[in-house]
PDB file of N, CA and C in Angstrom:
ATOM      1  N   MET A   1       6.314  10.096   5.208  1.00  0.00           N
ATOM      2  CA  MET A   1       4.937   9.807   4.942  1.00  0.00           C
ATOM      3  C   MET A   1       4.654  10.245   3.509  1.00  0.00           C
ATOM      4  N   THR A   2       3.931   9.435   2.815  1.00  0.00           N
ATOM      5  CA  THR A   2       3.559   9.747   1.440  1.00  0.00           C
ATOM      6  C   THR A   2       2.060   9.532   1.278  1.00  0.00           C
ATOM      7  N   LEU A   3       1.381  10.526   0.727  1.00  0.00           N
ATOM      8  CA  LEU A   3      -0.045  10.434   0.448  1.00  0.00           C
ATOM      9  C   LEU A   3      -0.207  10.138  -1.035  1.00  0.00           C
ATOM     10  N   LEU A   4      -0.868   9.018  -1.323  1.00  0.00           N
ATOM     11  CA  LEU A   4      -1.027   8.556  -2.703  1.00  0.00           C
ATOM     12  C   LEU A   4      -2.496   8.556  -3.104  1.00  0.00           C
ATOM     13  N   ALA A   5      -2.743   8.621  -4.401  1.00  0.00           N
ATOM     14  CA  ALA A   5      -4.094   8.469  -4.930  1.00  0.00           C
ATOM     15  C   ALA A   5      -4.004   7.778  -6.281  1.00  0.00           C
ATOM     16  N   ARG A   6      -5.015   7.004  -6.578  1.00  0.00           N
ATOM     17  CA  ARG A   6      -5.058   6.353  -7.895  1.00  0.00           C
ATOM     18  C   ARG A   6      -5.413   7.396  -8.956  1.00  0.00           C
ATOM     19  N   ARG A   7      -4.706   7.350 -10.076  1.00  0.00           N
ATOM     20  CA  ARG A   7      -4.938   8.316 -11.152  1.00  0.00           C
ATOM     21  C   ARG A   7      -6.371   8.241 -11.662  1.00  0.00           C
ATOM     22  N   ASP A   8      -6.913   7.028 -11.813  1.00  0.00           N
ATOM     23  CA  ASP A   8      -8.268   6.902 -12.356  1.00  0.00           C
ATOM     24  C   ASP A   8      -9.307   7.521 -11.413  1.00  0.00           C
ATOM     25  N   VAL A   9      -9.084   7.422 -10.110  1.00  0.00           N
ATOM     26  CA  VAL A   9     -10.011   8.022  -9.147  1.00  0.00           C
ATOM     27  C   VAL A   9      -9.925   9.542  -9.223  1.00  0.00           C
ATOM     28  N   LEU A  10      -8.710  10.085  -9.277  1.00  0.00           N
ATOM     29  CA  LEU A  10      -8.555  11.537  -9.396  1.00  0.00           C
ATOM     30  C   LEU A  10      -9.169  12.058 -10.692  1.00  0.00           C
ATOM     31  N   THR A  11      -8.946  11.325 -11.778  1.00  0.00           N
ATOM     32  CA  THR A  11      -9.511  11.732 -13.068  1.00  0.00           C
ATOM     33  C   THR A  11     -11.032  11.782 -12.983  1.00  0.00           C
ATOM     34  N   HIS A  12     -11.628  10.789 -12.367  1.00  0.00           N
ATOM     35  CA  HIS A  12     -13.082  10.761 -12.203  1.00  0.00           C
ATOM     36  C   HIS A  12     -13.557  11.909 -11.317  1.00  0.00           C
ATOM     37  N   ASP A  13     -12.901  12.094 -10.170  1.00  0.00           N
ATOM     38  CA  ASP A  13     -13.306  13.132  -9.221  1.00  0.00           C
ATOM     39  C   ASP A  13     -13.149  14.536  -9.785  1.00  0.00           C
ATOM     40  N   LEU A  14     -12.190  14.717 -10.675  1.00  0.00           N
ATOM     41  CA  LEU A  14     -11.948  16.043 -11.251  1.00  0.00           C
ATOM     42  C   LEU A  14     -12.631  16.215 -12.610  1.00  0.00           C
ATOM     43  N   GLY A  15     -13.523  15.309 -12.951  1.00  0.00           N
ATOM     44  CA  GLY A  15     -14.188  15.344 -14.257  1.00  0.00           C
ATOM     45  C   GLY A  15     -14.878  16.651 -14.578  1.00  0.00           C
ATOM     46  N   SER A  16     -15.444  17.322 -13.587  1.00  0.00           N
ATOM     47  CA  SER A  16     -16.147  18.580 -13.846  1.00  0.00           C
ATOM     48  C   SER A  16     -15.300  19.799 -13.480  1.00  0.00           C
ATOM     49  N   ALA A  17     -14.054  19.582 -13.125  1.00  0.00           N
ATOM     50  CA  ALA A  17     -13.157  20.694 -12.774  1.00  0.00           C
ATOM     51  C   ALA A  17     -12.683  21.389 -14.050  1.00  0.00           C
ATOM     52  N   PRO A  18     -12.202  22.615 -13.928  1.00  0.00           N
ATOM     53  CA  PRO A  18     -11.662  23.316 -15.104  1.00  0.00           C
ATOM     54  C   PRO A  18     -10.497  22.535 -15.733  1.00  0.00           C
ATOM     55  N   GLU A  19     -10.290  22.754 -17.012  1.00  0.00           N
ATOM     56  CA  GLU A  19      -9.268  22.030 -17.768  1.00  0.00           C
ATOM     57  C   GLU A  19      -7.881  22.169 -17.156  1.00  0.00           C
ATOM     58  N   ASP A  20      -7.524  23.367 -16.668  1.00  0.00           N
ATOM     59  CA  ASP A  20      -6.181  23.546 -16.113  1.00  0.00           C
ATOM     60  C   ASP A  20      -5.980  22.710 -14.845  1.00  0.00           C
ATOM     61  N   VAL A  21      -7.035  22.493 -14.084  1.00  0.00           N
ATOM     62  CA  VAL A  21      -6.946  21.646 -12.893  1.00  0.00           C
ATOM     63  C   VAL A  21      -6.764  20.193 -13.309  1.00  0.00           C
ATOM     64  N   ARG A  22      -7.553  19.748 -14.282  1.00  0.00           N
ATOM     65  CA  ARG A  22      -7.417  18.363 -14.759  1.00  0.00           C
ATOM     66  C   ARG A  22      -6.037  18.129 -15.358  1.00  0.00           C
ATOM     67  N   ALA A  23      -5.509  19.116 -16.081  1.00  0.00           N
ATOM     68  CA  ALA A  23      -4.194  18.983 -16.707  1.00  0.00           C
ATOM     69  C   ALA A  23      -3.077  18.912 -15.668  1.00  0.00           C
ATOM     70  N   SER A  24      -3.323  19.431 -14.467  1.00  0.00           N
ATOM     71  CA  SER A  24      -2.290  19.416 -13.434  1.00  0.00           C
ATOM     72  C   SER A  24      -1.967  18.005 -12.937  1.00  0.00           C
ATOM     73  N   LEU A  25      -2.844  17.035 -13.231  1.00  0.00           N
ATOM     74  CA  LEU A  25      -2.554  15.648 -12.855  1.00  0.00           C
ATOM     75  C   LEU A  25      -1.260  15.157 -13.503  1.00  0.00           C
ATOM     76  N   ASP A  26      -0.979  15.639 -14.714  1.00  0.00           N
ATOM     77  CA  ASP A  26       0.230  15.204 -15.420  1.00  0.00           C
ATOM     78  C   ASP A  26       1.497  15.682 -14.728  1.00  0.00           C
ATOM     79  N   ALA A  27       1.393  16.720 -13.896  1.00  0.00           N
ATOM     80  CA  ALA A  27       2.564  17.251 -13.200  1.00  0.00           C
ATOM     81  C   ALA A  27       2.857  16.493 -11.902  1.00  0.00           C
ATOM     82  N   LEU A  28       1.905  15.681 -11.439  1.00  0.00           N
ATOM     83  CA  LEU A  28       2.122  14.935 -10.201  1.00  0.00           C
ATOM     84  C   LEU A  28       3.047  13.756 -10.462  1.00  0.00           C
ATOM     85  N   PRO A  29       3.998  13.516  -9.554  1.00  0.00           N
ATOM     86  CA  PRO A  29       4.925  12.400  -9.775  1.00  0.00           C
ATOM     87  C   PRO A  29       4.236  11.053  -9.579  1.00  0.00           C
ATOM     88  N   PRO A  30       4.640  10.057 -10.359  1.00  0.00           N
ATOM     89  CA  PRO A  30       4.073   8.721 -10.191  1.00  0.00           C
ATOM     90  C   PRO A  30       4.658   8.043  -8.946  1.00  0.00           C
ATOM     91  N   ASP A  31       3.885   7.144  -8.372  1.00  0.00           N
ATOM     92  CA  ASP A  31       4.367   6.333  -7.252  1.00  0.00           C
ATOM     93  C   ASP A  31       5.335   5.305  -7.813  1.00  0.00           C
ATOM     94  N   PRO A  32       6.589   5.312  -7.365  1.00  0.00           N
ATOM     95  CA  PRO A  32       7.552   4.354  -7.923  1.00  0.00           C
ATOM     96  C   PRO A  32       7.240   2.905  -7.569  1.00  0.00           C
ATOM     97  N   LEU A  33       6.383   2.676  -6.582  1.00  0.00           N
ATOM     98  CA  LEU A  33       6.079   1.308  -6.169  1.00  0.00           C
ATOM     99  C   LEU A  33       4.732   0.798  -6.660  1.00  0.00           C
ATOM    100  N   GLY A  34       3.943   1.664  -7.294  1.00  0.00           N
ATOM    101  CA  GLY A  34       2.625   1.219  -7.722  1.00  0.00           C
ATOM    102  C   GLY A  34       2.174   1.898  -8.997  1.00  0.00           C
ATOM    103  N   ALA A  35       2.038   1.134 -10.027  1.00  0.00           N
ATOM    104  CA  ALA A  35       1.570   1.682 -11.296  1.00  0.00           C
ATOM    105  C   ALA A  35       0.164   2.235 -11.142  1.00  0.00           C
ATOM    106  N   GLY A  36      -0.083   3.366 -11.735  1.00  0.00           N
ATOM    107  CA  GLY A  36      -1.420   3.952 -11.714  1.00  0.00           C
ATOM    108  C   GLY A  36      -1.697   4.832 -10.511  1.00  0.00           C
ATOM    109  N   ARG A  37      -0.707   4.962  -9.614  1.00  0.00           N
ATOM    110  CA  ARG A  37      -0.906   5.827  -8.454  1.00  0.00           C
ATOM    111  C   ARG A  37      -0.026   7.065  -8.589  1.00  0.00           C
ATOM    112  N   LEU A  38      -0.504   8.176  -8.010  1.00  0.00           N
ATOM    113  CA  LEU A  38       0.230   9.433  -8.035  1.00  0.00           C
ATOM    114  C   LEU A  38       0.561   9.866  -6.616  1.00  0.00           C
ATOM    115  N   VAL A  39       1.679  10.542  -6.461  1.00  0.00           N
ATOM    116  CA  VAL A  39       2.088  11.084  -5.167  1.00  0.00           C
ATOM    117  C   VAL A  39       1.463  12.467  -5.018  1.00  0.00           C
ATOM    118  N   LEU A  40       0.629  12.642  -3.987  1.00  0.00           N
ATOM    119  CA  LEU A  40      -0.001  13.927  -3.732  1.00  0.00           C
ATOM    120  C   LEU A  40       0.797  14.766  -2.743  1.00  0.00           C
ATOM    121  N   LEU A  41       1.424  14.095  -1.772  1.00  0.00           N
ATOM    122  CA  LEU A  41       2.134  14.800  -0.712  1.00  0.00           C
ATOM    123  C   LEU A  41       3.198  13.883  -0.142  1.00  0.00           C
ATOM    124  N   THR A  42       4.352  14.446   0.129  1.00  0.00           N
ATOM    125  CA  THR A  42       5.417  13.712   0.798  1.00  0.00           C
ATOM    126  C   THR A  42       5.934  14.569   1.937  1.00  0.00           C
ATOM    127  N   ARG A  43       6.006  13.979   3.116  1.00  0.00           N
ATOM    128  CA  ARG A  43       6.541  14.671   4.284  1.00  0.00           C
ATOM    129  C   ARG A  43       7.489  13.730   4.995  1.00  0.00           C
ATOM    130  N   GLU A  44       8.507  14.305   5.556  1.00  0.00           N
ATOM    131  CA  GLU A  44       9.451  13.511   6.323  1.00  0.00           C
ATOM    132  C   GLU A  44       9.151  13.678   7.796  1.00  0.00           C
ATOM    133  N   LEU A  45       9.220  12.590   8.517  1.00  0.00           N
ATOM    134  CA  LEU A  45       9.014  12.645   9.950  1.00  0.00           C
ATOM    135  C   LEU A  45      10.241  13.257  10.613  1.00  0.00           C
ATOM    136  N   THR A  46       9.994  14.095  11.598  1.00  0.00           N
ATOM    137  CA  THR A  46      11.100  14.725  12.296  1.00  0.00           C
ATOM    138  C   THR A  46      11.100  14.331  13.766  1.00  0.00           C
ATOM    139  N   THR A  47      10.589  13.166  14.058  1.00  0.00           N
ATOM    140  CA  THR A  47      10.594  12.659  15.424  1.00  0.00           C
ATOM    141  C   THR A  47      11.299  11.311  15.433  1.00  0.00           C
ATOM    142  N   ASP A  48      11.457  10.770  16.606  1.00  0.00           N
ATOM    143  CA  ASP A  48      12.070   9.452  16.691  1.00  0.00           C
ATOM    144  C   ASP A  48      11.013   8.348  16.760  1.00  0.00           C
ATOM    145  N   PHE A  49       9.769   8.695  16.427  1.00  0.00           N
ATOM    146  CA  PHE A  49       8.674   7.724  16.437  1.00  0.00           C
ATOM    147  C   PHE A  49       8.848   6.747  15.282  1.00  0.00           C
ATOM    148  N   HIS A  50       8.693   5.473  15.581  1.00  0.00           N
ATOM    149  CA  HIS A  50       8.740   4.434  14.559  1.00  0.00           C
ATOM    150  C   HIS A  50       7.433   3.654  14.632  1.00  0.00           C
ATOM    151  N   PRO A  51       6.676   3.589  13.534  1.00  0.00           N
ATOM    152  CA  PRO A  51       5.397   2.878  13.561  1.00  0.00           C
ATOM    153  C   PRO A  51       5.577   1.396  13.892  1.00  0.00           C
ATOM    154  N   ALA A  52       4.553   0.858  14.514  1.00  0.00           N
ATOM    155  CA  ALA A  52       4.562  -0.569  14.843  1.00  0.00           C
ATOM    156  C   ALA A  52       4.611  -1.391  13.562  1.00  0.00           C
ATOM    157  N   GLU A  53       5.172  -2.568  13.674  1.00  0.00           N
ATOM    158  CA  GLU A  53       5.231  -3.468  12.527  1.00  0.00           C
ATOM    159  C   GLU A  53       4.432  -4.729  12.823  1.00  0.00           C
ATOM    160  N   GLN A  54       3.856  -5.264  11.775  1.00  0.00           N
ATOM    161  CA  GLN A  54       3.149  -6.537  11.871  1.00  0.00           C
ATOM    162  C   GLN A  54       3.611  -7.379  10.696  1.00  0.00           C
ATOM    163  N   ASP A  55       4.136  -8.544  10.970  1.00  0.00           N
ATOM    164  CA  ASP A  55       4.690  -9.428   9.935  1.00  0.00           C
ATOM    165  C   ASP A  55       5.773  -8.722   9.115  1.00  0.00           C
ATOM    166  N   GLY A  56       6.554  -7.864   9.781  1.00  0.00           N
ATOM    167  CA  GLY A  56       7.645  -7.167   9.107  1.00  0.00           C
ATOM    168  C   GLY A  56       7.248  -5.962   8.293  1.00  0.00           C
ATOM    169  N   GLU A  57       5.959  -5.612   8.273  1.00  0.00           N
ATOM    170  CA  GLU A  57       5.484  -4.471   7.492  1.00  0.00           C
ATOM    171  C   GLU A  57       5.065  -3.340   8.434  1.00  0.00           C
ATOM    172  N   PRO A  58       5.539  -2.091   8.188  1.00  0.00           N
ATOM    173  CA  PRO A  58       5.088  -0.971   9.013  1.00  0.00           C
ATOM    174  C   PRO A  58       3.573  -0.791   8.880  1.00  0.00           C
ATOM    175  N   GLN A  59       2.931  -0.489   9.974  1.00  0.00           N
ATOM    176  CA  GLN A  59       1.487  -0.284   9.976  1.00  0.00           C
ATOM    177  C   GLN A  59       1.161   1.179   9.667  1.00  0.00           C
ATOM    178  N   PRO A  60       0.012   1.448   9.053  1.00  0.00           N
ATOM    179  CA  PRO A  60      -0.365   2.827   8.729  1.00  0.00           C
ATOM    180  C   PRO A  60      -0.463   3.676   9.994  1.00  0.00           C
ATOM    181  N   VAL A  61      -0.109   4.943   9.842  1.00  0.00           N
ATOM    182  CA  VAL A  61      -0.165   5.895  10.942  1.00  0.00           C
ATOM    183  C   VAL A  61      -0.864   7.147  10.443  1.00  0.00           C
ATOM    184  N   LEU A  62      -1.795   7.663  11.217  1.00  0.00           N
ATOM    185  CA  LEU A  62      -2.466   8.915  10.891  1.00  0.00           C
ATOM    186  C   LEU A  62      -1.793  10.026  11.672  1.00  0.00           C
ATOM    187  N   LEU A  63      -1.255  11.009  10.967  1.00  0.00           N
ATOM    188  CA  LEU A  63      -0.591  12.137  11.608  1.00  0.00           C
ATOM    189  C   LEU A  63      -1.497  13.353  11.535  1.00  0.00           C
ATOM    190  N   LEU A  64      -1.706  13.984  12.661  1.00  0.00           N
ATOM    191  CA  LEU A  64      -2.550  15.169  12.722  1.00  0.00           C
ATOM    192  C   LEU A  64      -1.741  16.361  13.188  1.00  0.00           C
ATOM    193  N   GLU A  65      -1.957  17.503  12.573  1.00  0.00           N
ATOM    194  CA  GLU A  65      -1.363  18.737  13.049  1.00  0.00           C
ATOM    195  C   GLU A  65      -2.448  19.512  13.759  1.00  0.00           C
ATOM    196  N   HIS A  66      -2.119  20.040  14.898  1.00  0.00           N
ATOM    197  CA  HIS A  66      -3.104  20.826  15.632  1.00  0.00           C
ATOM    198  C   HIS A  66      -2.390  21.881  16.455  1.00  0.00           C
ATOM    199  N   ALA A  67      -3.137  22.903  16.825  1.00  0.00           N
ATOM    200  CA  ALA A  67      -2.603  23.979  17.650  1.00  0.00           C
ATOM    201  C   ALA A  67      -2.968  23.686  19.095  1.00  0.00           C
ATOM    202  N   ALA A  68      -2.181  22.879  19.746  1.00  0.00           N
ATOM    203  CA  ALA A  68      -2.440  22.541  21.140  1.00  0.00           C
ATOM    204  C   ALA A  68      -1.237  22.949  21.965  1.00  0.00           C
ATOM    205  N   GLY A  69      -1.390  22.902  23.259  1.00  0.00           N
ATOM    206  CA  GLY A  69      -0.292  23.247  24.139  1.00  0.00           C
ATOM    207  C   GLY A  69      -0.659  24.429  24.997  1.00  0.00           C
ATOM    208  N   PRO A  70       0.315  24.990  25.683  1.00  0.00           N
ATOM    209  CA  PRO A  70       0.023  26.043  26.648  1.00  0.00           C
ATOM    210  C   PRO A  70      -0.592  27.298  26.023  1.00  0.00           C
ATOM    211  N   GLN A  71      -0.316  27.537  24.746  1.00  0.00           N
ATOM    212  CA  GLN A  71      -0.830  28.751  24.110  1.00  0.00           C
ATOM    213  C   GLN A  71      -2.212  28.554  23.488  1.00  0.00           C
ATOM    214  N   ALA A  72      -2.684  27.336  23.442  1.00  0.00           N
ATOM    215  CA  ALA A  72      -3.972  27.037  22.791  1.00  0.00           C
ATOM    216  C   ALA A  72      -5.134  27.580  23.616  1.00  0.00           C
ATOM    217  N   THR A  73      -6.137  28.024  22.902  1.00  0.00           N
ATOM    218  CA  THR A  73      -7.351  28.531  23.553  1.00  0.00           C
ATOM    219  C   THR A  73      -8.214  27.350  23.952  1.00  0.00           C
ATOM    220  N   PRO A  74      -8.693  27.307  25.212  1.00  0.00           N
ATOM    221  CA  PRO A  74      -9.564  26.185  25.597  1.00  0.00           C
ATOM    222  C   PRO A  74     -10.892  26.252  24.864  1.00  0.00           C
ATOM    223  N   PRO A  75     -11.527  25.092  24.643  1.00  0.00           N
ATOM    224  CA  PRO A  75     -12.812  25.085  23.950  1.00  0.00           C
ATOM    225  C   PRO A  75     -13.876  25.819  24.759  1.00  0.00           C
ATOM    226  N   ARG A  76     -14.788  26.444  24.035  1.00  0.00           N
ATOM    227  CA  ARG A  76     -15.899  27.155  24.695  1.00  0.00           C
ATOM    228  C   ARG A  76     -16.976  26.159  25.103  1.00  0.00           C
ATOM    229  N   THR A  77     -17.546  26.365  26.240  1.00  0.00           N
ATOM    230  CA  THR A  77     -18.622  25.474  26.694  1.00  0.00           C
ATOM    231  C   THR A  77     -19.927  26.218  26.802  1.00  0.00           C
TER     232      THR A  77
END
């Protein structure tokens, strides 16, 4: 999984941030498949799950991390 953002959007959103934060954009790797996009996060899947495909293209998948299971605290009512 790769989380991408357009450089121009990040530049705009960080316009009022401190200079060192704005300068950190230059350290982000570029997306090799799309000019003007930066890679924010890359994670490898460690399951055997394969996203559905439509017309030969993998469909987007939202991955959530949560603390669930037998040790999780039930919600308060």
